[in-house]
Amino acid sequence: MFPFIRRFIRPHLAPLAALWLAAAALAGCAGRQPIFLAERMSAVRTAAVVYFTVPADVSTYSYVDDYRRAPTQAERAMDNGGQAAALSFQAFLEGIGPQNLPFRVLSFDETTGNAAFQALYAPRDPPPVDPDAGFFDKIFASFDNEWDDLSIVEAAAPARMNEFGLRGWDTLLTHPEERDYVRAAIAALGVDAAIVINDRGYRYSCRVCFSLQGSAPSGEVSTASRAVFALVDGRGTVLVKGRFSFSGSEATAGISFGTVEPEGQDALFAAHGRRMAIAFGEKYRELAAAAGR
């Protein structure tokens, strides 16, 4: 945006932003409705998770609940999203079998050991959004970059798995390159459908915490989730779309001034993946029942 326009609008930004958000919410209501194409799903016998995206920094900051403020330096210093994605992804695949879904989900080894699927990996640069920007600056930034979203969150994925950023609270498959990748992954893995998951709300959740004079918290934490998922067929059609969330898993770990004890962090990430598998199964069955299946 041109500087003089920015200077003119900034004094009136709060009311404009409120109107813009209200319009966006109304326009987006239809897109947030769950989807379950029962007849098409009856033909799905096998599926594979082809992308599994989490925030690059898993901290006590929530990109869902705390979007009106920027993360603190301590909250941005985690740099643990890759480890979180890797361990949660593997645990999710280990936990999905007992959910008794009507289709088989490829195992971790079947997915990551497939050379054709691995060949689809193409790392990309994150969108150029200042992480120190406040809520309203993020609105301005959204007009200036190609990802066109209210607030852009840098993302992480398991090793050699494509990620396309976390661009919205409940959005995925919003750009043609995502659907192209999903279709190619389905062909490479030889499955009927792909599962895609964005867990933008992945963060540490305090069980018992205290904070001194605004410092990062200390105490005991688990992990929380707010995720959106979809099943997509080989033509790029979304067959199922839904959301799930939870406030904690069975694992806990100590946290001191925003830093989780190293010996407990990996256990949290694995437990998060197992809890995601349960939440995914519950939501899938709920959507199927609502569709008469």
C-alpha atoms as a PDB file:
ATOM      1  CA  MET A   1       0.000   0.000   0.000  1.00  0.00           C
ATOM      2  CA  PHE A   2       1.282   3.504  -0.850  1.00  0.00           C
ATOM      3  CA  PRO A   3       2.650   5.362   2.216  1.00  0.00           C
ATOM      4  CA  PHE A   4       0.392   8.407   1.834  1.00  0.00           C
ATOM      5  CA  ILE A   5      -2.692   6.176   1.716  1.00  0.00           C
ATOM      6  CA  ARG A   6      -1.486   4.331   4.784  1.00  0.00           C
ATOM      7  CA  ARG A   7      -0.986   7.640   6.660  1.00  0.00           C
ATOM      8  CA  PHE A   8      -4.447   8.838   5.678  1.00  0.00           C
ATOM      9  CA  ILE A   9      -6.252   5.671   6.696  1.00  0.00           C
ATOM     10  CA  ARG A  10      -4.332   4.797   9.878  1.00  0.00           C
ATOM     11  CA  PRO A  11      -6.195   7.341  12.145  1.00  0.00           C
ATOM     12  CA  HIS A  12      -9.468   5.716  11.067  1.00  0.00           C
ATOM     13  CA  LEU A  13      -8.154   2.162  11.160  1.00  0.00           C
ATOM     14  CA  ALA A  14     -10.009   0.806  14.183  1.00  0.00           C
ATOM     15  CA  PRO A  15     -13.556   1.428  12.888  1.00  0.00           C
ATOM     16  CA  LEU A  16     -12.554   0.397   9.371  1.00  0.00           C
ATOM     17  CA  ALA A  17     -11.032  -2.817  10.702  1.00  0.00           C
ATOM     18  CA  ALA A  18     -14.157  -3.585  12.700  1.00  0.00           C
ATOM     19  CA  LEU A  19     -16.321  -3.176   9.600  1.00  0.00           C
ATOM     20  CA  TRP A  20     -13.876  -5.214   7.514  1.00  0.00           C
ATOM     21  CA  LEU A  21     -13.834  -8.039  10.056  1.00  0.00           C
ATOM     22  CA  ALA A  22     -17.626  -8.112  10.259  1.00  0.00           C
ATOM     23  CA  ALA A  23     -17.900  -8.326   6.470  1.00  0.00           C
ATOM     24  CA  ALA A  24     -15.222 -11.030   6.333  1.00  0.00           C
ATOM     25  CA  ALA A  25     -17.004 -13.035   9.005  1.00  0.00           C
ATOM     26  CA  LEU A  26     -20.314 -12.886   7.122  1.00  0.00           C
ATOM     27  CA  ALA A  27     -18.661 -13.759   3.820  1.00  0.00           C
ATOM     28  CA  GLY A  28     -16.744 -16.635   5.347  1.00  0.00           C
ATOM     29  CA  CYS A  29     -19.639 -18.328   7.139  1.00  0.00           C
ATOM     30  CA  ALA A  30     -20.436 -20.604   4.222  1.00  0.00           C
ATOM     31  CA  GLY A  31     -16.805 -21.639   3.850  1.00  0.00           C
ATOM     32  CA  ARG A  32     -16.660 -22.688   7.486  1.00  0.00           C
ATOM     33  CA  GLN A  33     -19.589 -25.088   7.229  1.00  0.00           C
ATOM     34  CA  PRO A  34     -18.623 -28.766   7.553  1.00  0.00           C
ATOM     35  CA  ILE A  35     -18.693 -30.944   4.445  1.00  0.00           C
ATOM     36  CA  PHE A  36     -19.468 -34.647   4.130  1.00  0.00           C
ATOM     37  CA  LEU A  37     -20.152 -36.073   0.669  1.00  0.00           C
ATOM     38  CA  ALA A  38     -21.476 -39.440   1.746  1.00  0.00           C
ATOM     39  CA  GLU A  39     -21.846 -41.059  -1.679  1.00  0.00           C
ATOM     40  CA  ARG A  40     -18.348 -40.083  -2.742  1.00  0.00           C
ATOM     41  CA  MET A  41     -16.856 -41.224   0.567  1.00  0.00           C
ATOM     42  CA  SER A  42     -18.358 -44.677   0.103  1.00  0.00           C
ATOM     43  CA  ALA A  43     -15.798 -45.263  -2.655  1.00  0.00           C
ATOM     44  CA  VAL A  44     -12.809 -44.363  -0.448  1.00  0.00           C
ATOM     45  CA  ARG A  45     -10.940 -47.439   0.770  1.00  0.00           C
ATOM     46  CA  THR A  46      -7.492 -45.981   1.416  1.00  0.00           C
ATOM     47  CA  ALA A  47      -6.198 -42.555   2.411  1.00  0.00           C
ATOM     48  CA  ALA A  48      -2.900 -40.935   3.361  1.00  0.00           C
ATOM     49  CA  VAL A  49      -1.977 -37.852   5.356  1.00  0.00           C
ATOM     50  CA  VAL A  50      -0.113 -35.696   2.830  1.00  0.00           C
ATOM     51  CA  TYR A  51       0.280 -32.528   4.808  1.00  0.00           C
ATOM     52  CA  PHE A  52       0.255 -31.875   8.505  1.00  0.00           C
ATOM     53  CA  THR A  53       0.986 -28.272   9.429  1.00  0.00           C
ATOM     54  CA  VAL A  54       1.581 -26.608  12.799  1.00  0.00           C
ATOM     55  CA  PRO A  55       2.944 -23.201  13.869  1.00  0.00           C
ATOM     56  CA  ALA A  56       6.714 -22.865  13.534  1.00  0.00           C
ATOM     57  CA  ASP A  57       6.852 -21.788  17.185  1.00  0.00           C
ATOM     58  CA  VAL A  58       4.749 -23.895  19.543  1.00  0.00           C
ATOM     59  CA  SER A  59       4.512 -21.783  22.703  1.00  0.00           C
ATOM     60  CA  THR A  60       1.973 -20.601  25.243  1.00  0.00           C
ATOM     61  CA  TYR A  61       0.900 -17.955  22.709  1.00  0.00           C
ATOM     62  CA  SER A  62      -2.266 -18.783  20.757  1.00  0.00           C
ATOM     63  CA  TYR A  63      -2.595 -17.516  17.202  1.00  0.00           C
ATOM     64  CA  VAL A  64      -6.317 -18.157  17.581  1.00  0.00           C
ATOM     65  CA  ASP A  65      -7.034 -16.565  20.961  1.00  0.00           C
ATOM     66  CA  ASP A  66      -4.292 -13.932  21.178  1.00  0.00           C
ATOM     67  CA  TYR A  67      -4.498 -12.540  17.651  1.00  0.00           C
ATOM     68  CA  ARG A  68      -4.918  -8.955  18.905  1.00  0.00           C
ATOM     69  CA  ARG A  69      -1.350  -8.846  20.173  1.00  0.00           C
ATOM     70  CA  ALA A  70       1.999  -9.916  18.770  1.00  0.00           C
ATOM     71  CA  PRO A  71       3.892 -12.805  20.422  1.00  0.00           C
ATOM     72  CA  THR A  72       6.515 -11.781  22.976  1.00  0.00           C
ATOM     73  CA  GLN A  73      10.180 -12.427  22.310  1.00  0.00           C
ATOM     74  CA  ALA A  74      10.096 -15.461  24.612  1.00  0.00           C
ATOM     75  CA  GLU A  75       7.039 -16.815  22.807  1.00  0.00           C
ATOM     76  CA  ARG A  76       8.723 -16.382  19.410  1.00  0.00           C
ATOM     77  CA  ALA A  77      12.006 -17.976  20.506  1.00  0.00           C
ATOM     78  CA  MET A  78      10.710 -21.551  20.669  1.00  0.00           C
ATOM     79  CA  ASP A  79      11.642 -22.640  17.106  1.00  0.00           C
ATOM     80  CA  ASN A  80      10.263 -26.103  17.844  1.00  0.00           C
ATOM     81  CA  GLY A  81       7.536 -26.477  15.237  1.00  0.00           C
ATOM     82  CA  GLY A  82       9.482 -28.972  13.140  1.00  0.00           C
ATOM     83  CA  GLN A  83       9.951 -31.307  16.095  1.00  0.00           C
ATOM     84  CA  ALA A  84       6.328 -30.858  17.141  1.00  0.00           C
ATOM     85  CA  ALA A  85       5.099 -31.639  13.627  1.00  0.00           C
ATOM     86  CA  ALA A  86       7.336 -34.695  13.225  1.00  0.00           C
ATOM     87  CA  LEU A  87       6.444 -36.340  16.541  1.00  0.00           C
ATOM     88  CA  SER A  88       2.749 -35.453  16.425  1.00  0.00           C
ATOM     89  CA  PHE A  89       2.452 -36.682  12.831  1.00  0.00           C
ATOM     90  CA  GLN A  90       3.968 -40.064  13.641  1.00  0.00           C
ATOM     91  CA  ALA A  91       1.848 -40.449  16.778  1.00  0.00           C
ATOM     92  CA  PHE A  92      -1.279 -39.412  14.854  1.00  0.00           C
ATOM     93  CA  LEU A  93      -0.710 -42.178  12.315  1.00  0.00           C
ATOM     94  CA  GLU A  94      -0.053 -44.698  15.079  1.00  0.00           C
ATOM     95  CA  GLY A  95      -3.272 -43.664  16.826  1.00  0.00           C
ATOM     96  CA  ILE A  96      -5.589 -43.468  13.824  1.00  0.00           C
ATOM     97  CA  GLY A  97      -5.965 -47.245  13.376  1.00  0.00           C
ATOM     98  CA  PRO A  98      -7.968 -47.798  16.588  1.00  0.00           C
ATOM     99  CA  GLN A  99     -10.464 -45.123  15.490  1.00  0.00           C
ATOM    100  CA  ASN A 100     -12.236 -47.721  13.286  1.00  0.00           C
ATOM    101  CA  LEU A 101     -12.610 -45.457  10.292  1.00  0.00           C
ATOM    102  CA  PRO A 102     -14.262 -46.969   7.187  1.00  0.00           C
ATOM    103  CA  PHE A 103     -11.018 -46.581   5.228  1.00  0.00           C
ATOM    104  CA  ARG A 104      -7.409 -47.509   5.913  1.00  0.00           C
ATOM    105  CA  VAL A 105      -4.898 -44.726   6.515  1.00  0.00           C
ATOM    106  CA  LEU A 106      -1.365 -45.442   5.305  1.00  0.00           C
ATOM    107  CA  SER A 107       1.166 -45.906   8.081  1.00  0.00           C
ATOM    108  CA  PHE A 108       4.107 -43.635   8.801  1.00  0.00           C
ATOM    109  CA  ASP A 109       6.537 -45.957   7.022  1.00  0.00           C
ATOM    110  CA  GLU A 110       4.257 -46.391   3.995  1.00  0.00           C
ATOM    111  CA  THR A 111       3.979 -42.623   3.614  1.00  0.00           C
ATOM    112  CA  THR A 112       7.475 -41.408   4.409  1.00  0.00           C
ATOM    113  CA  GLY A 113       9.143 -44.374   2.687  1.00  0.00           C
ATOM    114  CA  ASN A 114       7.451 -43.719  -0.654  1.00  0.00           C
ATOM    115  CA  ALA A 115      10.070 -42.274  -3.016  1.00  0.00           C
ATOM    116  CA  ALA A 116       7.513 -40.799  -5.431  1.00  0.00           C
ATOM    117  CA  PHE A 117       5.827 -38.934  -2.585  1.00  0.00           C
ATOM    118  CA  GLN A 118       9.145 -37.694  -1.212  1.00  0.00           C
ATOM    119  CA  ALA A 119      10.029 -36.352  -4.657  1.00  0.00           C
ATOM    120  CA  LEU A 120       7.096 -33.920  -4.418  1.00  0.00           C
ATOM    121  CA  TYR A 121       8.783 -31.999  -1.605  1.00  0.00           C
ATOM    122  CA  ALA A 122       9.486 -28.395  -2.590  1.00  0.00           C
ATOM    123  CA  PRO A 123      10.481 -26.034   0.237  1.00  0.00           C
ATOM    124  CA  ARG A 124       9.222 -22.480  -0.019  1.00  0.00           C
ATOM    125  CA  ASP A 125      10.050 -19.178   1.607  1.00  0.00           C
ATOM    126  CA  PRO A 126       7.581 -17.949   4.247  1.00  0.00           C
ATOM    127  CA  PRO A 127       5.395 -14.948   3.385  1.00  0.00           C
ATOM    128  CA  PRO A 128       7.162 -11.638   4.187  1.00  0.00           C
ATOM    129  CA  VAL A 129       5.153 -10.527   7.227  1.00  0.00           C
ATOM    130  CA  ASP A 130       6.825  -8.755  10.171  1.00  0.00           C
ATOM    131  CA  PRO A 131       6.336 -10.971  13.272  1.00  0.00           C
ATOM    132  CA  ASP A 132       6.381  -7.835  15.469  1.00  0.00           C
ATOM    133  CA  ALA A 133       3.437  -6.318  13.629  1.00  0.00           C
ATOM    134  CA  GLY A 134       0.366  -5.625  15.728  1.00  0.00           C
ATOM    135  CA  PHE A 135      -3.152  -6.727  14.865  1.00  0.00           C
ATOM    136  CA  PHE A 136      -3.963  -3.741  12.633  1.00  0.00           C
ATOM    137  CA  ASP A 137      -0.562  -3.844  10.928  1.00  0.00           C
ATOM    138  CA  LYS A 138      -1.324  -7.431  10.011  1.00  0.00           C
ATOM    139  CA  ILE A 139      -4.468  -6.234   8.274  1.00  0.00           C
ATOM    140  CA  PHE A 140      -2.398  -3.797   6.203  1.00  0.00           C
ATOM    141  CA  ALA A 141       0.154  -6.519   5.507  1.00  0.00           C
ATOM    142  CA  SER A 142      -2.579  -8.791   4.229  1.00  0.00           C
ATOM    143  CA  PHE A 143      -3.339  -6.357   1.407  1.00  0.00           C
ATOM    144  CA  ASP A 144       0.329  -6.234   0.398  1.00  0.00           C
ATOM    145  CA  ASN A 145       1.297  -9.901   0.054  1.00  0.00           C
ATOM    146  CA  GLU A 146       0.230 -12.651  -2.256  1.00  0.00           C
ATOM    147  CA  TRP A 147      -1.191 -14.885   0.494  1.00  0.00           C
ATOM    148  CA  ASP A 148      -4.042 -12.409   1.097  1.00  0.00           C
ATOM    149  CA  ASP A 149      -4.935 -13.241   4.681  1.00  0.00           C
ATOM    150  CA  LEU A 150      -5.716 -11.424   7.900  1.00  0.00           C
ATOM    151  CA  SER A 151      -2.730 -12.743   9.834  1.00  0.00           C
ATOM    152  CA  ILE A 152       0.007 -14.949   8.433  1.00  0.00           C
ATOM    153  CA  VAL A 153       1.597 -17.524  10.696  1.00  0.00           C
ATOM    154  CA  GLU A 154       4.897 -19.134   9.762  1.00  0.00           C
ATOM    155  CA  ALA A 155       4.367 -22.887   9.641  1.00  0.00           C
ATOM    156  CA  ALA A 156       6.278 -26.124  10.103  1.00  0.00           C
ATOM    157  CA  ALA A 157       5.697 -29.636   8.812  1.00  0.00           C
ATOM    158  CA  PRO A 158       7.340 -33.056   9.192  1.00  0.00           C
ATOM    159  CA  ALA A 159      10.613 -33.534   7.314  1.00  0.00           C
ATOM    160  CA  ARG A 160      10.222 -33.522   3.523  1.00  0.00           C
ATOM    161  CA  MET A 161       6.498 -32.836   3.680  1.00  0.00           C
ATOM    162  CA  ASN A 162       5.209 -29.737   1.937  1.00  0.00           C
ATOM    163  CA  GLU A 163       3.610 -26.940   3.940  1.00  0.00           C
ATOM    164  CA  PHE A 164       1.718 -23.955   2.609  1.00  0.00           C
ATOM    165  CA  GLY A 165       1.624 -21.762   5.682  1.00  0.00           C
ATOM    166  CA  LEU A 166      -1.149 -21.170   8.190  1.00  0.00           C
ATOM    167  CA  ARG A 167      -3.086 -18.354   6.583  1.00  0.00           C
ATOM    168  CA  GLY A 168      -6.429 -18.445   8.353  1.00  0.00           C
ATOM    169  CA  TRP A 169      -8.030 -19.638  11.532  1.00  0.00           C
ATOM    170  CA  ASP A 170     -10.105 -22.311   9.779  1.00  0.00           C
ATOM    171  CA  THR A 171      -8.856 -22.389   6.204  1.00  0.00           C
ATOM    172  CA  LEU A 172      -6.929 -24.762   4.002  1.00  0.00           C
ATOM    173  CA  LEU A 173      -6.756 -25.643   0.303  1.00  0.00           C
ATOM    174  CA  THR A 174      -7.211 -21.988  -0.611  1.00  0.00           C
ATOM    175  CA  HIS A 175      -4.639 -21.859  -3.410  1.00  0.00           C
ATOM    176  CA  PRO A 176      -4.376 -23.938  -6.604  1.00  0.00           C
ATOM    177  CA  GLU A 177      -0.846 -25.104  -5.755  1.00  0.00           C
ATOM    178  CA  GLU A 178      -2.189 -26.878  -2.679  1.00  0.00           C
ATOM    179  CA  ARG A 179      -4.728 -28.866  -4.656  1.00  0.00           C
ATOM    180  CA  ASP A 180      -2.128 -29.631  -7.339  1.00  0.00           C
ATOM    181  CA  TYR A 181       0.165 -31.021  -4.652  1.00  0.00           C
ATOM    182  CA  VAL A 182      -2.644 -33.076  -3.083  1.00  0.00           C
ATOM    183  CA  ARG A 183      -3.610 -34.605  -6.427  1.00  0.00           C
ATOM    184  CA  ALA A 184       0.021 -35.483  -7.149  1.00  0.00           C
ATOM    185  CA  ALA A 185       0.436 -36.988  -3.679  1.00  0.00           C
ATOM    186  CA  ILE A 186      -2.639 -39.179  -4.137  1.00  0.00           C
ATOM    187  CA  ALA A 187      -1.222 -40.497  -7.392  1.00  0.00           C
ATOM    188  CA  ALA A 188       2.239 -41.061  -5.902  1.00  0.00           C
ATOM    189  CA  LEU A 189       0.909 -42.959  -2.890  1.00  0.00           C
ATOM    190  CA  GLY A 190      -1.748 -44.896  -4.822  1.00  0.00           C
ATOM    191  CA  VAL A 191      -4.604 -44.043  -2.454  1.00  0.00           C
ATOM    192  CA  ASP A 192      -8.197 -42.993  -2.993  1.00  0.00           C
ATOM    193  CA  ALA A 193      -8.017 -39.809  -0.932  1.00  0.00           C
ATOM    194  CA  ALA A 194      -5.653 -37.507   0.896  1.00  0.00           C
ATOM    195  CA  ILE A 195      -5.993 -36.179   4.428  1.00  0.00           C
ATOM    196  CA  VAL A 196      -4.788 -32.626   5.021  1.00  0.00           C
ATOM    197  CA  ILE A 197      -4.542 -31.088   8.492  1.00  0.00           C
ATOM    198  CA  ASN A 198      -3.717 -27.555   9.657  1.00  0.00           C
ATOM    199  CA  ASP A 199      -3.426 -27.216  13.435  1.00  0.00           C
ATOM    200  CA  ARG A 200      -3.053 -23.477  13.796  1.00  0.00           C
ATOM    201  CA  GLY A 201      -4.133 -23.632  17.432  1.00  0.00           C
ATOM    202  CA  TYR A 202      -1.309 -26.011  18.461  1.00  0.00           C
ATOM    203  CA  ARG A 203       0.202 -24.510  21.631  1.00  0.00           C
ATOM    204  CA  TYR A 204       1.170 -25.247  25.198  1.00  0.00           C
ATOM    205  CA  SER A 205      -1.838 -24.987  27.496  1.00  0.00           C
ATOM    206  CA  CYS A 206      -1.366 -24.196  31.151  1.00  0.00           C
ATOM    207  CA  ARG A 207      -2.664 -26.693  33.673  1.00  0.00           C
ATOM    208  CA  VAL A 208      -1.211 -24.875  36.681  1.00  0.00           C
ATOM    209  CA  CYS A 209       0.712 -21.710  35.795  1.00  0.00           C
ATOM    210  CA  PHE A 210       1.763 -18.405  37.275  1.00  0.00           C
ATOM    211  CA  SER A 211       3.398 -15.345  35.753  1.00  0.00           C
ATOM    212  CA  LEU A 212       5.473 -12.629  37.424  1.00  0.00           C
ATOM    213  CA  GLN A 213       5.005  -9.054  36.199  1.00  0.00           C
ATOM    214  CA  GLY A 214       4.017 -10.072  32.694  1.00  0.00           C
ATOM    215  CA  SER A 215       6.766 -12.644  32.253  1.00  0.00           C
ATOM    216  CA  ALA A 216       6.253 -15.856  30.303  1.00  0.00           C
ATOM    217  CA  PRO A 217       4.499 -18.469  32.456  1.00  0.00           C
ATOM    218  CA  SER A 218       5.940 -21.080  34.806  1.00  0.00           C
ATOM    219  CA  GLY A 219       4.218 -24.162  36.162  1.00  0.00           C
ATOM    220  CA  GLU A 220       2.809 -27.216  34.390  1.00  0.00           C
ATOM    221  CA  VAL A 221       1.508 -27.436  30.823  1.00  0.00           C
ATOM    222  CA  SER A 222      -0.081 -29.813  28.362  1.00  0.00           C
ATOM    223  CA  THR A 223      -0.882 -28.972  24.718  1.00  0.00           C
ATOM    224  CA  ALA A 224      -4.031 -27.593  23.105  1.00  0.00           C
ATOM    225  CA  SER A 225      -5.292 -27.833  19.536  1.00  0.00           C
ATOM    226  CA  ARG A 226      -7.617 -26.053  17.165  1.00  0.00           C
ATOM    227  CA  ALA A 227      -7.366 -27.800  13.812  1.00  0.00           C
ATOM    228  CA  VAL A 228      -9.128 -27.914  10.472  1.00  0.00           C
ATOM    229  CA  PHE A 229      -8.933 -31.026   8.282  1.00  0.00           C
ATOM    230  CA  ALA A 230     -10.191 -32.291   4.961  1.00  0.00           C
ATOM    231  CA  LEU A 231     -10.306 -35.447   2.885  1.00  0.00           C
ATOM    232  CA  VAL A 232      -9.740 -34.756  -0.796  1.00  0.00           C
ATOM    233  CA  ASP A 233     -10.080 -37.099  -3.776  1.00  0.00           C
ATOM    234  CA  GLY A 234      -7.858 -37.427  -6.829  1.00  0.00           C
ATOM    235  CA  ARG A 235      -9.784 -34.739  -8.704  1.00  0.00           C
ATOM    236  CA  GLY A 236      -9.173 -32.228  -5.932  1.00  0.00           C
ATOM    237  CA  THR A 237     -12.747 -32.360  -4.640  1.00  0.00           C
ATOM    238  CA  VAL A 238     -13.168 -31.898  -0.894  1.00  0.00           C
ATOM    239  CA  LEU A 239     -15.172 -34.910   0.295  1.00  0.00           C
ATOM    240  CA  VAL A 240     -15.045 -34.168   4.010  1.00  0.00           C
ATOM    241  CA  LYS A 241     -14.132 -31.015   5.902  1.00  0.00           C
ATOM    242  CA  GLY A 242     -14.357 -30.373   9.608  1.00  0.00           C
ATOM    243  CA  ARG A 243     -12.707 -28.889  12.660  1.00  0.00           C
ATOM    244  CA  PHE A 244     -11.751 -30.233  16.048  1.00  0.00           C
ATOM    245  CA  SER A 245     -10.187 -28.825  19.180  1.00  0.00           C
ATOM    246  CA  PHE A 246      -9.065 -29.874  22.627  1.00  0.00           C
ATOM    247  CA  SER A 247      -7.527 -28.130  25.617  1.00  0.00           C
ATOM    248  CA  GLY A 248      -5.031 -30.802  26.658  1.00  0.00           C
ATOM    249  CA  SER A 249      -3.750 -34.350  26.277  1.00  0.00           C
ATOM    250  CA  GLU A 250      -2.801 -37.014  28.805  1.00  0.00           C
ATOM    251  CA  ALA A 251       0.782 -35.707  29.030  1.00  0.00           C
ATOM    252  CA  THR A 252       2.081 -32.807  31.114  1.00  0.00           C
ATOM    253  CA  ALA A 253       5.491 -31.187  31.565  1.00  0.00           C
ATOM    254  CA  GLY A 254       7.030 -28.446  33.636  1.00  0.00           C
ATOM    255  CA  ILE A 255       7.524 -24.972  32.195  1.00  0.00           C
ATOM    256  CA  SER A 256       9.813 -22.248  33.553  1.00  0.00           C
ATOM    257  CA  PHE A 257       9.483 -18.679  32.252  1.00  0.00           C
ATOM    258  CA  GLY A 258       8.039 -19.937  28.990  1.00  0.00           C
ATOM    259  CA  THR A 259      10.555 -22.755  28.414  1.00  0.00           C
ATOM    260  CA  VAL A 260       9.267 -26.321  28.666  1.00  0.00           C
ATOM    261  CA  GLU A 261      11.605 -28.795  30.309  1.00  0.00           C
ATOM    262  CA  PRO A 262      13.491 -30.604  27.491  1.00  0.00           C
ATOM    263  CA  GLU A 263      12.804 -34.077  28.867  1.00  0.00           C
ATOM    264  CA  GLY A 264       9.060 -33.435  28.772  1.00  0.00           C
ATOM    265  CA  GLN A 265       8.657 -31.632  25.461  1.00  0.00           C
ATOM    266  CA  ASP A 266       8.863 -34.640  23.135  1.00  0.00           C
ATOM    267  CA  ALA A 267       6.362 -36.559  25.272  1.00  0.00           C
ATOM    268  CA  LEU A 268       3.956 -33.633  24.952  1.00  0.00           C
ATOM    269  CA  PHE A 269       4.299 -33.588  21.167  1.00  0.00           C
ATOM    270  CA  ALA A 270       3.692 -37.330  20.841  1.00  0.00           C
ATOM    271  CA  ALA A 271       0.690 -37.204  23.179  1.00  0.00           C
ATOM    272  CA  HIS A 272      -0.681 -34.313  21.142  1.00  0.00           C
ATOM    273  CA  GLY A 273      -0.630 -36.472  18.007  1.00  0.00           C
ATOM    274  CA  ARG A 274      -2.428 -39.328  19.757  1.00  0.00           C
ATOM    275  CA  ARG A 275      -5.069 -36.932  21.044  1.00  0.00           C
ATOM    276  CA  MET A 276      -5.460 -35.510  17.523  1.00  0.00           C
ATOM    277  CA  ALA A 277      -6.171 -39.008  16.196  1.00  0.00           C
ATOM    278  CA  ILE A 278      -8.958 -39.447  18.747  1.00  0.00           C
ATOM    279  CA  ALA A 279     -10.400 -36.008  17.986  1.00  0.00           C
ATOM    280  CA  PHE A 280     -10.211 -36.664  14.228  1.00  0.00           C
ATOM    281  CA  GLY A 281     -12.037 -39.983  14.608  1.00  0.00           C
ATOM    282  CA  GLU A 282     -14.729 -38.446  16.809  1.00  0.00           C
ATOM    283  CA  LYS A 283     -15.347 -35.583  14.398  1.00  0.00           C
ATOM    284  CA  TYR A 284     -15.389 -37.882  11.346  1.00  0.00           C
ATOM    285  CA  ARG A 285     -18.007 -40.128  12.977  1.00  0.00           C
ATOM    286  CA  GLU A 286     -20.042 -37.082  13.999  1.00  0.00           C
ATOM    287  CA  LEU A 287     -20.066 -35.749  10.433  1.00  0.00           C
ATOM    288  CA  ALA A 288     -20.879 -39.183   9.010  1.00  0.00           C
ATOM    289  CA  ALA A 289     -23.789 -39.619  11.410  1.00  0.00           C
ATOM    290  CA  ALA A 290     -25.151 -36.185  10.495  1.00  0.00           C
ATOM    291  CA  ALA A 291     -25.007 -37.240   6.833  1.00  0.00           C
ATOM    292  CA  GLY A 292     -26.889 -40.481   7.597  1.00  0.00           C
ATOM    293  CA  ARG A 293     -23.873 -42.788   7.425  1.00  0.00           C
END
